[in-house]
């Protein structure tokens, strides 16, 4: 995940008043795409927040 994209994701979650307990950032070499794994205070809220901003979730 590019640093500026991770900042955008974290800012979107923070702006939605959702707590992030931890986050791991990795890279999927097979698909050549970044991956962020996080534990938050509200899964459904994070999913809604990020999908509304155009992020693809697994």
Protein backbone atom coordinates (compact mmCIF):
# COMPACT_ATOMS: atom_id res chain seq x y z
CA UNK A 1 0.00 0.00 0.00
CA UNK A 2 1.43 3.33 -0.97
CA UNK A 3 2.05 5.59 2.04
CA UNK A 4 -0.24 8.33 0.76
CA UNK A 5 -3.08 5.83 0.21
CA UNK A 6 -2.70 4.37 3.69
CA UNK A 7 -2.92 7.90 5.10
CA UNK A 8 -6.16 8.46 3.18
CA UNK A 9 -7.64 5.21 4.49
CA UNK A 10 -6.65 5.96 8.09
CA UNK A 11 -7.99 9.50 7.83
CA UNK A 12 -11.33 8.27 6.47
CA UNK A 13 -11.68 5.81 9.35
CA UNK A 14 -10.64 8.43 11.91
CA UNK A 15 -13.08 10.97 10.47
CA UNK A 16 -15.83 8.38 11.00
CA UNK A 17 -14.93 8.11 14.71
CA UNK A 18 -13.92 4.46 14.45
CA UNK A 19 -11.09 3.16 16.63
CA UNK A 20 -8.30 1.13 15.04
CA UNK A 21 -6.85 -1.40 17.49
CA UNK A 22 -4.09 -2.56 15.14
CA UNK A 23 -3.19 -2.59 11.46
CA UNK A 24 -0.86 -4.77 9.39
CA UNK A 25 0.14 -3.73 5.91
CA UNK A 26 1.49 -6.29 3.45
CA UNK A 27 1.81 -6.89 -0.28
CA UNK A 28 0.23 -9.65 -2.35
CA UNK A 29 2.96 -10.56 -4.84
CA UNK A 30 0.69 -12.86 -6.83
CA UNK A 31 -1.82 -10.09 -7.57
CA UNK A 32 0.66 -7.22 -7.28
CA UNK A 33 -1.57 -5.36 -4.86
CA UNK A 34 -1.27 -3.98 -1.34
CA UNK A 35 -3.22 -5.49 1.55
CA UNK A 36 -4.21 -3.90 4.85
CA UNK A 37 -5.47 -6.08 7.69
CA UNK A 38 -6.95 -4.25 10.64
CA UNK A 39 -8.91 -4.78 13.82
CA UNK A 40 -11.32 -1.98 14.53
CA UNK A 41 -14.10 -1.14 16.96
CA UNK A 42 -16.76 -1.65 14.29
CA UNK A 43 -16.34 -3.89 11.26
CA UNK A 44 -19.61 -2.91 9.58
CA UNK A 45 -18.90 0.79 10.04
CA UNK A 46 -15.41 0.48 8.53
CA UNK A 47 -16.75 -1.52 5.60
CA UNK A 48 -19.43 1.07 4.90
CA UNK A 49 -16.99 3.97 5.28
CA UNK A 50 -14.35 2.55 2.94
CA UNK A 51 -16.75 1.19 0.31
CA UNK A 52 -18.44 4.60 0.13
CA UNK A 53 -15.02 6.09 -0.68
CA UNK A 54 -14.37 3.56 -3.46
CA UNK A 55 -11.99 1.15 -1.70
CA UNK A 56 -12.19 -2.55 -2.56
CA UNK A 57 -12.50 -4.85 0.43
CA UNK A 58 -11.93 -8.59 0.69
